[in-house]
């Protein structure tokens, strides 16, 4: 048996003499191998090599652990809210209208999707910062769109690349070189089977859902394609360009059917009516034009803005046109009366982007040249919530998740940011640790002095909103928030516009 045992030890790299003397050649506690004590024995080269390899692996592991630490990511998984909604519908708990949100932290466990609060648009003032995503090679992000189903977010960059981000964890997934010039616009078809994109060179490209290039129209416009919009049937689409024209295309053949000329400047936006054959376009000439896509004639002009109209969008009811301009104002025009419905002022700089909410018909969001994001209701000329300095520069685009619980914004500051709903129990301000990082700029956010970096109090509690540290009496409950249940903390947002946090001495 001894020869067989020696042969087995030789195969494993263990000296036979070490085995004969009763010494484990691979024992790290052997002092002959640089250990820290133990029993003596015979020194073999095999044991030295094994111990050195183990020590080297141990040192490498320590270095790797320090370089690749675990990252805490915010994950917004809406599947639990959908399951909770289905259970409540099954039990018949929605007969009295929209459910109320409990004004305590545990109420976050019972939150439902956005379509459960149709009568409470204030539940979707998405001012809670979630995550910032940036490409390794930094460049401006000009356009973005959620993929069908909302599983991923697709962004178009100044480098002509498409970047795909996870819609739940917001981490990077893949990147492809889509265009040779900066991507300026992208739009999905209503049946969610095709994507079209336009670039600075005037090229329009077709893409499948797997981001495979299907077709290219190299000379669609002479200059940059600023906006794209599909007809309700997806058989046609409209494109607006800096060459002052709007073109109506046959999607299947990729040929021009009508060229709409009449604007006196660059066309900045185009939007097809959600139900009818009617196309709206806005331009540098401060006008909004309504076109008949079949005949190519201009039906009417809508005057109201005093400067370049940067963007516009139809409401899903088909009656309102929302527009934003460089005169720092937003306007809603009602085409049933062909007159202005409301004017909204609150942005400090030019309005560069806007977006209607997919669930709440009267809720929309605007982005400004100064990087601010404001939330509005169509019935109120005053903004309901705001995030000042959400980006460092102009907000180039914004898109709501199909479920309506997350909004993504992109900017010329090379970043894409995600914003979520505030939860019951959230305080007026985010946790102090986020102010020390680069996740969220604090300039212009009216951060209390007790929370400023270097001057924060030990407890990190905002005066008036946290528990009292002295004096008689129990802690004062948060103020009542109308529209979201009793004393809901839904609207404790960054500078929300609904009033500053109560002071410690107020009654």
Protein backbone atom coordinates (compact mmCIF):
# COMPACT_ATOMS: atom_id res chain seq x y z
CA UNK A 1 0.00 0.00 0.00
CA UNK A 2 2.93 2.36 0.63
CA UNK A 3 4.06 2.61 -3.07
CA UNK A 4 0.49 3.37 -4.15
CA UNK A 5 0.22 6.05 -1.48
CA UNK A 6 3.55 7.57 -2.55
CA UNK A 7 2.43 7.66 -6.19
CA UNK A 8 -0.81 9.38 -5.19
CA UNK A 9 1.14 11.93 -3.16
CA UNK A 10 3.50 12.57 -6.07
CA UNK A 11 0.56 13.26 -8.37
CA UNK A 12 -0.81 15.75 -5.86
CA UNK A 13 2.58 17.46 -5.44
CA UNK A 14 3.31 16.24 -1.90
CA UNK A 15 6.77 14.90 -1.02
CA UNK A 16 6.88 11.20 -0.11
CA UNK A 17 9.53 11.83 2.57
CA UNK A 18 7.28 14.38 4.21
CA UNK A 19 4.56 11.77 4.34
CA UNK A 20 6.99 9.20 5.74
CA UNK A 21 8.09 11.57 8.52
CA UNK A 22 4.45 12.34 9.36
CA UNK A 23 4.60 16.00 8.28
CA UNK A 24 1.93 17.76 6.22
CA UNK A 25 3.93 19.57 3.53
CA UNK A 26 0.99 21.86 2.74
CA UNK A 27 0.38 22.93 6.35
CA UNK A 28 0.69 26.76 6.56
CA UNK A 29 1.38 26.44 10.29
CA UNK A 30 4.59 24.53 9.61
CA UNK A 31 7.49 26.84 10.70
CA UNK A 32 9.60 25.43 7.85
CA UNK A 33 7.09 27.02 5.44
CA UNK A 34 7.07 30.44 7.03
CA UNK A 35 4.17 29.63 9.37
CA UNK A 36 3.61 30.76 12.92
CA UNK A 37 4.39 27.59 14.86
CA UNK A 38 3.16 24.03 15.08
CA UNK A 39 5.01 20.83 14.72
CA UNK A 40 8.39 20.53 13.02
CA UNK A 41 9.02 18.42 9.95
CA UNK A 42 10.81 17.89 6.72
CA UNK A 43 10.95 20.83 4.26
CA UNK A 44 10.01 20.06 0.67
CA UNK A 45 9.93 22.34 -2.39
CA UNK A 46 6.36 21.29 -3.15
CA UNK A 47 5.13 22.59 0.19
CA UNK A 48 6.96 25.91 -0.24
CA UNK A 49 5.39 26.45 -3.64
CA UNK A 50 1.92 25.64 -2.34
CA UNK A 51 2.22 27.96 0.68
CA UNK A 52 3.61 30.81 -1.42
CA UNK A 53 0.77 30.41 -3.89
CA UNK A 54 -1.80 30.48 -1.07
CA UNK A 55 -0.24 33.61 0.43
CA UNK A 56 -0.16 35.29 -2.98
CA UNK A 57 -3.81 34.42 -3.60
CA UNK A 58 -4.71 35.74 -0.14
CA UNK A 59 -2.98 39.07 -0.78
CA UNK A 60 -4.61 39.39 -4.23
CA UNK A 61 -8.03 38.71 -2.75
CA UNK A 62 -7.57 41.47 -0.17
CA UNK A 63 -6.62 43.94 -2.91
CA UNK A 64 -9.56 42.93 -5.10
CA UNK A 65 -12.04 43.24 -2.24
CA UNK A 66 -10.89 46.80 -1.58
CA UNK A 67 -11.18 47.77 -5.25
CA UNK A 68 -14.56 46.14 -5.92
CA UNK A 69 -16.72 46.99 -2.98
CA UNK A 70 -20.42 46.33 -2.98
CA UNK A 71 -22.48 49.21 -4.35
CA UNK A 72 -25.83 50.01 -2.80
CA UNK A 73 -28.27 50.62 -5.66
CA UNK A 74 -31.77 51.96 -5.45
CA UNK A 75 -34.12 49.56 -7.20
CA UNK A 76 -37.64 50.56 -8.21
CA UNK A 77 -39.54 47.33 -8.74
CA UNK A 78 -43.20 47.96 -9.50
CA UNK A 79 -44.22 44.29 -9.61
CA UNK A 80 -45.18 44.25 -5.91
CA UNK A 81 -47.46 47.28 -6.35
CA UNK A 82 -49.16 45.63 -9.33
CA UNK A 83 -49.77 42.43 -7.35
CA UNK A 84 -51.16 44.46 -4.46
CA UNK A 85 -53.45 46.30 -6.88
CA UNK A 86 -54.77 43.07 -8.34
CA UNK A 87 -55.50 41.69 -4.87
CA UNK A 88 -57.37 44.84 -3.85
CA UNK A 89 -59.44 44.85 -7.04
CA UNK A 90 -60.28 41.21 -6.40
CA UNK A 91 -61.50 42.08 -2.91
CA UNK A 92 -63.57 45.01 -4.23
CA UNK A 93 -61.74 47.66 -2.19
CA UNK A 94 -61.86 50.37 -4.90
CA UNK A 95 -65.59 50.96 -5.00
CA UNK A 96 -65.30 54.29 -3.19
CA UNK A 97 -62.77 55.83 -5.62
CA UNK A 98 -59.02 56.19 -5.37
CA UNK A 99 -57.44 54.67 -2.25
CA UNK A 100 -55.75 56.87 0.31
CA UNK A 101 -52.06 56.75 1.08
CA UNK A 102 -51.27 56.26 4.75
CA UNK A 103 -49.13 59.15 6.08
CA UNK A 104 -46.64 56.89 7.86
CA UNK A 105 -43.49 55.12 6.60
CA UNK A 106 -45.20 51.72 6.71
CA UNK A 107 -47.67 53.10 4.16
CA UNK A 108 -45.02 52.63 1.48
CA UNK A 109 -45.70 48.88 1.67
CA UNK A 110 -49.26 49.48 0.47
CA UNK A 111 -48.49 51.87 -2.39
CA UNK A 112 -50.17 51.07 -5.69
CA UNK A 113 -49.33 51.86 -9.33
CA UNK A 114 -50.02 55.32 -10.70
CA UNK A 115 -53.24 54.27 -12.43
CA UNK A 116 -54.78 53.50 -9.02
CA UNK A 117 -54.60 57.19 -8.07
CA UNK A 118 -56.27 58.71 -11.12
CA UNK A 119 -58.06 61.28 -8.96
CA UNK A 120 -54.85 62.21 -7.13
CA UNK A 121 -52.26 63.56 -9.59
CA UNK A 122 -50.16 64.87 -6.70
CA UNK A 123 -49.13 61.27 -6.01
CA UNK A 124 -46.96 61.46 -9.13
CA UNK A 125 -44.85 64.52 -8.46
CA UNK A 126 -41.65 62.56 -9.04
CA UNK A 127 -39.18 64.72 -7.18
CA UNK A 128 -37.31 61.95 -5.39
CA UNK A 129 -33.86 61.47 -6.89
CA UNK A 130 -33.16 57.81 -7.63
CA UNK A 131 -30.07 57.38 -9.79
CA UNK A 132 -27.73 59.07 -12.26
CA UNK A 133 -26.34 57.15 -15.23
CA UNK A 134 -23.34 58.35 -17.22
CA UNK A 135 -21.44 56.82 -20.12
CA UNK A 136 -17.76 56.00 -19.66
CA UNK A 137 -16.97 58.36 -22.57
CA UNK A 138 -18.86 61.43 -21.48
CA UNK A 139 -20.92 63.29 -24.06
CA UNK A 140 -24.23 65.14 -24.20
CA UNK A 141 -27.42 63.06 -24.13
CA UNK A 142 -29.86 64.52 -26.67
CA UNK A 143 -32.80 62.08 -26.78
CA UNK A 144 -34.27 59.20 -24.81
CA UNK A 145 -37.17 56.76 -24.98
CA UNK A 146 -38.36 53.80 -22.91
CA UNK A 147 -38.45 50.46 -24.67
CA UNK A 148 -41.83 48.74 -25.05
CA UNK A 149 -42.89 47.49 -21.66
CA UNK A 150 -40.52 49.80 -19.81
CA UNK A 151 -37.83 47.21 -19.09
CA UNK A 152 -35.03 49.45 -20.40
CA UNK A 153 -34.29 53.05 -21.27
CA UNK A 154 -32.69 53.93 -24.60
CA UNK A 155 -30.66 57.14 -24.90
CA UNK A 156 -29.12 58.83 -27.93
CA UNK A 157 -25.82 60.67 -27.45
CA UNK A 158 -23.80 63.38 -29.13
CA UNK A 159 -21.33 60.70 -30.26
CA UNK A 160 -24.06 58.99 -32.32
CA UNK A 161 -24.33 56.03 -29.94
CA UNK A 162 -27.35 54.28 -28.45
CA UNK A 163 -26.97 53.37 -24.77
CA UNK A 164 -29.29 50.91 -23.07
CA UNK A 165 -29.95 51.25 -19.33
CA UNK A 166 -31.82 48.86 -17.08
CA UNK A 167 -35.24 50.22 -16.15
CA UNK A 168 -35.26 48.74 -12.64
CA UNK A 169 -31.65 48.89 -11.39
CA UNK A 170 -30.63 51.73 -13.79
CA UNK A 171 -27.27 50.13 -14.53
CA UNK A 172 -25.53 50.02 -17.90
CA UNK A 173 -26.46 47.17 -20.23
CA UNK A 174 -25.05 47.79 -23.71
CA UNK A 175 -23.97 50.44 -26.19
CA UNK A 176 -23.97 50.46 -30.01
CA UNK A 177 -22.78 52.89 -32.66
CA UNK A 178 -26.09 53.85 -34.27
CA UNK A 179 -25.28 57.02 -36.26
CA UNK A 180 -22.16 58.71 -37.53
CA UNK A 181 -23.47 62.07 -36.34
CA UNK A 182 -25.14 63.17 -33.06
CA UNK A 183 -28.53 61.56 -32.43
CA UNK A 184 -31.20 64.25 -32.08
CA UNK A 185 -34.53 62.40 -31.99
CA UNK A 186 -36.08 58.94 -31.62
CA UNK A 187 -39.63 57.61 -31.57
CA UNK A 188 -41.31 54.20 -31.15
CA UNK A 189 -44.32 53.16 -33.20
CA UNK A 190 -47.62 52.79 -31.37
CA UNK A 191 -47.59 49.01 -31.94
CA UNK A 192 -44.11 48.99 -30.32
CA UNK A 193 -42.50 47.00 -33.14
CA UNK A 194 -40.25 49.65 -34.69
CA UNK A 195 -38.03 52.53 -33.67
CA UNK A 196 -36.94 55.43 -35.87
CA UNK A 197 -34.15 57.88 -35.11
CA UNK A 198 -32.80 61.06 -36.69
CA UNK A 199 -29.38 62.68 -36.52
CA UNK A 200 -27.60 65.95 -37.18
CA UNK A 201 -26.84 65.05 -40.79
CA UNK A 202 -30.51 64.67 -41.74
CA UNK A 203 -30.46 60.85 -41.79
CA UNK A 204 -33.40 58.76 -40.56
CA UNK A 205 -32.91 55.10 -39.63
CA UNK A 206 -35.29 52.23 -38.83
CA UNK A 207 -34.56 49.83 -35.96
CA UNK A 208 -36.15 46.62 -34.73
CA UNK A 209 -36.94 45.92 -31.08
CA UNK A 210 -33.58 44.14 -30.80
CA UNK A 211 -31.82 47.29 -32.07
CA UNK A 212 -30.88 45.81 -35.43
CA UNK A 213 -30.75 48.37 -38.22
CA UNK A 214 -33.49 47.62 -40.74
CA UNK A 215 -33.45 50.62 -43.09
CA UNK A 216 -31.76 53.95 -43.66
CA UNK A 217 -32.91 57.14 -45.40
CA UNK A 218 -29.60 58.98 -45.89
CA UNK A 219 -30.89 62.33 -47.22
CA UNK A 220 -34.22 62.67 -45.46
CA UNK A 221 -33.47 66.35 -44.65
CA UNK A 222 -30.76 68.78 -45.54
CA UNK A 223 -30.11 69.61 -41.89
CA UNK A 224 -30.65 68.16 -38.42
CA UNK A 225 -33.80 66.10 -37.77
CA UNK A 226 -35.19 67.69 -34.60
CA UNK A 227 -38.34 65.66 -33.98
CA UNK A 228 -40.29 62.62 -35.18
CA UNK A 229 -43.91 61.59 -34.66
CA UNK A 230 -46.05 58.65 -35.86
CA UNK A 231 -49.64 58.68 -37.07
CA UNK A 232 -52.22 56.72 -35.04
CA UNK A 233 -52.06 53.84 -37.57
CA UNK A 234 -48.22 53.82 -37.74
CA UNK A 235 -48.48 53.83 -41.55
CA UNK A 236 -47.13 57.40 -41.76
CA UNK A 237 -44.77 59.52 -39.72
CA UNK A 238 -43.78 63.19 -39.68
CA UNK A 239 -40.32 64.67 -39.31
CA UNK A 240 -39.28 68.24 -38.53
CA UNK A 241 -35.90 69.68 -39.37
CA UNK A 242 -33.72 72.75 -39.13
CA UNK A 243 -34.18 73.17 -42.89
CA UNK A 244 -37.57 74.84 -42.04
CA UNK A 245 -39.63 71.93 -43.47
CA UNK A 246 -41.94 69.25 -42.14
CA UNK A 247 -42.16 66.06 -44.18
CA UNK A 248 -44.81 63.35 -44.19
CA UNK A 249 -43.36 59.91 -44.89
CA UNK A 250 -44.77 56.55 -45.90
CA UNK A 251 -43.28 54.28 -43.24
CA UNK A 252 -43.33 51.09 -45.32
CA UNK A 253 -41.69 52.50 -48.43
CA UNK A 254 -39.61 55.20 -46.77
CA UNK A 255 -40.67 57.83 -49.32
CA UNK A 256 -41.88 61.40 -48.90
CA UNK A 257 -45.59 61.94 -49.47
CA UNK A 258 -45.86 65.62 -48.54
CA UNK A 259 -43.39 68.40 -47.84
CA UNK A 260 -44.93 71.07 -45.61
CA UNK A 261 -43.24 74.41 -46.13
CA UNK A 262 -44.34 77.62 -44.48
CA UNK A 263 -42.28 78.16 -41.34
CA UNK A 264 -39.92 81.11 -41.32
CA UNK A 265 -37.24 79.39 -39.25
CA UNK A 266 -35.93 76.08 -37.94
CA UNK A 267 -38.64 73.57 -37.07
CA UNK A 268 -38.01 72.56 -33.46
CA UNK A 269 -40.88 70.15 -32.84
CA UNK A 270 -43.58 68.14 -34.57
CA UNK A 271 -46.45 66.10 -33.13
CA UNK A 272 -49.17 64.03 -34.82
CA UNK A 273 -52.69 64.13 -33.39
CA UNK A 274 -53.38 60.96 -31.34
CA UNK A 275 -56.65 60.21 -33.17
CA UNK A 276 -56.97 62.29 -36.34
CA UNK A 277 -55.09 63.32 -39.48
CA UNK A 278 -53.69 66.53 -38.00
CA UNK A 279 -50.05 67.51 -37.53
CA UNK A 280 -48.80 70.33 -35.30
CA UNK A 281 -45.35 71.89 -35.67
CA UNK A 282 -43.47 74.65 -33.88
CA UNK A 283 -40.63 76.77 -35.14
CA UNK A 284 -38.12 79.51 -34.57
CA UNK A 285 -40.65 81.97 -36.01
CA UNK A 286 -42.63 81.85 -32.72
CA UNK A 287 -45.63 80.19 -34.36
CA UNK A 288 -47.45 76.86 -34.08
CA UNK A 289 -48.92 75.58 -37.33
CA UNK A 290 -51.60 72.95 -37.85
CA UNK A 291 -51.29 70.95 -41.06
CA UNK A 292 -53.44 68.59 -43.09
CA UNK A 293 -51.04 65.71 -43.84
CA UNK A 294 -53.13 64.51 -46.81
CA UNK A 295 -53.25 67.74 -48.80
CA UNK A 296 -50.14 69.36 -47.31
CA UNK A 297 -51.98 72.62 -46.58
CA UNK A 298 -51.62 74.76 -43.47
CA UNK A 299 -54.97 74.92 -41.70
CA UNK A 300 -54.24 77.62 -39.13
CA UNK A 301 -51.55 79.40 -37.13
CA UNK A 302 -51.53 79.66 -33.34
CA UNK A 303 -49.93 82.84 -32.04
CA UNK A 304 -49.11 83.31 -28.38
CA UNK A 305 -45.40 82.97 -27.79
CA UNK A 306 -42.99 85.86 -28.17
CA UNK A 307 -39.89 83.82 -28.96
CA UNK A 308 -38.76 80.51 -30.43
CA UNK A 309 -41.17 77.67 -29.64
CA UNK A 310 -38.82 74.86 -28.59
CA UNK A 311 -41.21 71.92 -28.11
CA UNK A 312 -44.84 70.88 -28.25
CA UNK A 313 -46.94 67.80 -27.57
CA UNK A 314 -50.57 66.72 -27.97
CA UNK A 315 -52.51 65.61 -24.94
CA UNK A 316 -53.94 62.12 -25.26
CA UNK A 317 -57.48 63.58 -25.14
CA UNK A 318 -56.76 65.19 -28.53
CA UNK A 319 -58.03 68.63 -27.49
CA UNK A 320 -54.96 70.33 -26.01
CA UNK A 321 -51.61 71.29 -27.49
CA UNK A 322 -48.90 71.98 -24.91
CA UNK A 323 -46.01 74.18 -26.04
CA UNK A 324 -42.89 75.62 -24.41
CA UNK A 325 -40.78 78.50 -25.68
CA UNK A 326 -37.74 80.60 -25.02
CA UNK A 327 -39.94 83.31 -23.50
CA UNK A 328 -39.94 81.13 -20.33
CA UNK A 329 -43.62 80.30 -20.63
CA UNK A 330 -45.75 77.24 -21.35
CA UNK A 331 -49.14 77.46 -23.06
CA UNK A 332 -52.03 75.13 -23.67
CA UNK A 333 -54.15 75.75 -26.77
CA UNK A 334 -57.61 74.21 -27.06
CA UNK A 335 -58.24 73.37 -30.71
CA UNK A 336 -62.00 73.05 -30.16
CA UNK A 337 -62.18 76.82 -29.66
CA UNK A 338 -58.90 77.64 -31.45
CA UNK A 339 -57.81 79.78 -28.54
CA UNK A 340 -55.37 79.78 -25.68
CA UNK A 341 -56.52 77.83 -22.65
CA UNK A 342 -53.88 78.71 -20.04
CA UNK A 343 -50.41 80.22 -19.63
CA UNK A 344 -47.88 78.85 -17.15
CA UNK A 345 -44.86 80.78 -15.90
CA UNK A 346 -42.32 79.54 -13.40
CA UNK A 347 -39.19 78.60 -15.30
CA UNK A 348 -36.28 80.99 -14.86
CA UNK A 349 -34.75 80.18 -18.24
CA UNK A 350 -35.79 78.92 -21.67
CA UNK A 351 -38.05 75.88 -21.74
CA UNK A 352 -36.27 73.09 -23.58
CA UNK A 353 -38.48 70.01 -23.06
CA UNK A 354 -41.91 68.92 -21.83
CA UNK A 355 -43.92 65.75 -21.40
CA UNK A 356 -47.48 64.69 -20.50
CA UNK A 357 -48.03 62.03 -17.87
CA UNK A 358 -49.20 58.69 -19.34
CA UNK A 359 -51.93 58.19 -16.71
CA UNK A 360 -53.00 61.60 -15.35
CA UNK A 361 -54.49 63.59 -18.19
CA UNK A 362 -53.90 67.02 -16.67
CA UNK A 363 -50.37 66.48 -15.30
CA UNK A 364 -47.31 67.53 -17.30
CA UNK A 365 -43.63 68.23 -16.67
CA UNK A 366 -41.31 70.85 -18.11
CA UNK A 367 -37.53 71.11 -18.24
CA UNK A 368 -35.59 74.35 -18.46
CA UNK A 369 -32.30 75.59 -19.83
CA UNK A 370 -31.05 76.03 -16.25
CA UNK A 371 -31.56 72.32 -15.52
CA UNK A 372 -34.73 72.67 -13.45
CA UNK A 373 -37.72 70.30 -13.65
CA UNK A 374 -41.21 71.58 -12.77
CA UNK A 375 -44.50 69.73 -12.36
CA UNK A 376 -47.78 71.36 -13.43
CA UNK A 377 -51.52 70.77 -13.49
CA UNK A 378 -53.46 72.02 -16.50
CA UNK A 379 -56.06 73.67 -14.26
CA UNK A 380 -53.53 75.65 -12.19
CA UNK A 381 -51.13 78.28 -13.61
CA UNK A 382 -48.72 77.79 -10.66
CA UNK A 383 -46.32 74.85 -10.64
CA UNK A 384 -47.14 72.22 -8.03
CA UNK A 385 -43.65 70.79 -7.42
CA UNK A 386 -40.13 71.49 -8.60
CA UNK A 387 -36.57 70.24 -8.61
CA UNK A 388 -34.29 73.21 -9.09
CA UNK A 389 -30.86 72.34 -10.48
CA UNK A 390 -31.93 68.81 -11.34
CA UNK A 391 -29.25 69.03 -14.03
CA UNK A 392 -26.29 71.33 -14.39
CA UNK A 393 -27.32 72.51 -17.87
CA UNK A 394 -30.34 72.34 -20.21
CA UNK A 395 -32.73 69.42 -19.85
CA UNK A 396 -32.68 68.10 -23.41
CA UNK A 397 -35.37 65.44 -23.08
CA UNK A 398 -37.66 63.64 -20.65
CA UNK A 399 -39.76 60.49 -20.81
CA UNK A 400 -42.20 58.85 -18.40
CA UNK A 401 -42.07 55.15 -17.72
CA UNK A 402 -45.19 53.49 -19.24
CA UNK A 403 -46.38 52.72 -15.70
CA UNK A 404 -46.01 56.38 -14.72
CA UNK A 405 -44.00 55.81 -11.54
CA UNK A 406 -40.58 56.93 -12.87
CA UNK A 407 -39.49 59.76 -15.12
CA UNK A 408 -36.11 59.90 -16.86
CA UNK A 409 -34.41 63.13 -17.89
CA UNK A 410 -31.35 63.71 -20.05
CA UNK A 411 -29.18 66.77 -20.36
CA UNK A 412 -26.14 68.38 -21.91
CA UNK A 413 -24.31 67.72 -18.63
CA UNK A 414 -23.59 64.20 -19.99
CA UNK A 415 -25.96 62.45 -17.61
CA UNK A 416 -29.30 60.67 -17.52
CA UNK A 417 -31.20 60.88 -14.24
CA UNK A 418 -34.12 58.92 -12.88
CA UNK A 419 -36.75 60.40 -10.53
CA UNK A 420 -39.31 58.43 -8.54
CA UNK A 421 -42.38 59.03 -6.43
CA UNK A 422 -41.92 60.25 -2.90
CA UNK A 423 -43.00 57.70 -0.33
CA UNK A 424 -45.06 58.21 2.82
CA UNK A 425 -42.81 59.30 5.67
CA UNK A 426 -40.15 60.93 3.46
CA UNK A 427 -38.87 64.13 5.00
CA UNK A 428 -38.58 67.46 3.24
CA UNK A 429 -35.00 66.76 2.27
CA UNK A 430 -33.07 63.65 1.23
CA UNK A 431 -30.69 62.01 3.66
CA UNK A 432 -27.69 64.23 4.45
CA UNK A 433 -25.17 61.74 3.03
CA UNK A 434 -26.41 62.43 -0.49
CA UNK A 435 -25.40 66.07 -0.16
CA UNK A 436 -21.75 65.08 0.18
CA UNK A 437 -21.74 63.16 -3.10
CA UNK A 438 -22.07 64.15 -6.72
CA UNK A 439 -25.46 62.51 -7.10
CA UNK A 440 -27.44 65.68 -6.59
CA UNK A 441 -26.30 69.33 -6.81
CA UNK A 442 -27.43 71.31 -3.78
CA UNK A 443 -27.03 74.77 -5.27
CA UNK A 444 -30.37 76.52 -5.30
CA UNK A 445 -32.23 73.83 -3.36
CA UNK A 446 -32.67 75.92 -0.19
CA UNK A 447 -30.90 73.35 1.97
CA UNK A 448 -31.20 74.23 5.67
CA UNK A 449 -27.97 75.42 7.22
CA UNK A 450 -28.06 72.58 9.72
CA UNK A 451 -27.75 70.14 6.81
CA UNK A 452 -25.02 71.93 4.88
CA UNK A 453 -21.77 70.03 4.45
CA UNK A 454 -19.51 70.88 7.34
CA UNK A 455 -22.31 72.39 9.41
CA UNK A 456 -24.76 69.53 9.73
CA UNK A 457 -26.19 68.67 13.09
CA UNK A 458 -25.42 65.28 14.62
CA UNK A 459 -28.89 63.91 14.23
CA UNK A 460 -29.36 65.20 10.69
CA UNK A 461 -32.96 66.16 11.53
CA UNK A 462 -34.58 69.07 9.76
CA UNK A 463 -36.02 71.59 12.24
CA UNK A 464 -39.76 71.22 12.43
CA UNK A 465 -39.98 67.86 10.66
CA UNK A 466 -38.04 65.51 12.93
CA UNK A 467 -38.71 64.47 16.53
CA UNK A 468 -38.16 67.13 19.17
CA UNK A 469 -34.98 66.86 21.17
CA UNK A 470 -36.21 68.87 24.13
CA UNK A 471 -39.24 70.46 25.70
CA UNK A 472 -42.55 68.99 26.73
CA UNK A 473 -45.09 67.38 24.54
CA UNK A 474 -45.00 64.71 21.81
CA UNK A 475 -43.51 65.32 18.35
CA UNK A 476 -45.71 67.43 16.09
CA UNK A 477 -47.21 65.46 13.14
CA UNK A 478 -46.46 66.68 9.58
CA UNK A 479 -48.87 69.21 8.03
CA UNK A 480 -51.94 67.97 6.19
CA UNK A 481 -51.45 67.45 2.47
CA UNK A 482 -54.70 67.88 0.55
CA UNK A 483 -55.53 65.36 -2.11
CA UNK A 484 -53.40 62.43 -0.91
CA UNK A 485 -55.12 61.38 2.28
CA UNK A 486 -54.83 62.76 5.77
CA UNK A 487 -51.42 64.16 6.64
CA UNK A 488 -49.75 62.43 3.70
CA UNK A 489 -46.09 63.13 3.16
CA UNK A 490 -46.34 62.57 -0.60
CA UNK A 491 -45.59 66.22 -1.38
CA UNK A 492 -42.53 66.63 0.84
CA UNK A 493 -40.39 67.33 -2.19
CA UNK A 494 -37.39 69.39 -3.07
CA UNK A 495 -38.62 72.96 -2.97
CA UNK A 496 -42.02 71.62 -3.92
CA UNK A 497 -43.71 74.98 -4.21
CA UNK A 498 -46.35 73.97 -1.66
CA UNK A 499 -44.74 75.93 1.10
CA UNK A 500 -41.52 75.65 3.04
CA UNK A 501 -41.20 73.18 5.94
CA UNK A 502 -42.79 74.37 9.18
CA UNK A 503 -40.53 76.01 11.71
CA UNK A 504 -39.94 74.60 15.20
CA UNK A 505 -41.87 77.31 16.98
CA UNK A 506 -44.93 77.44 14.73
CA UNK A 507 -48.23 76.34 16.29
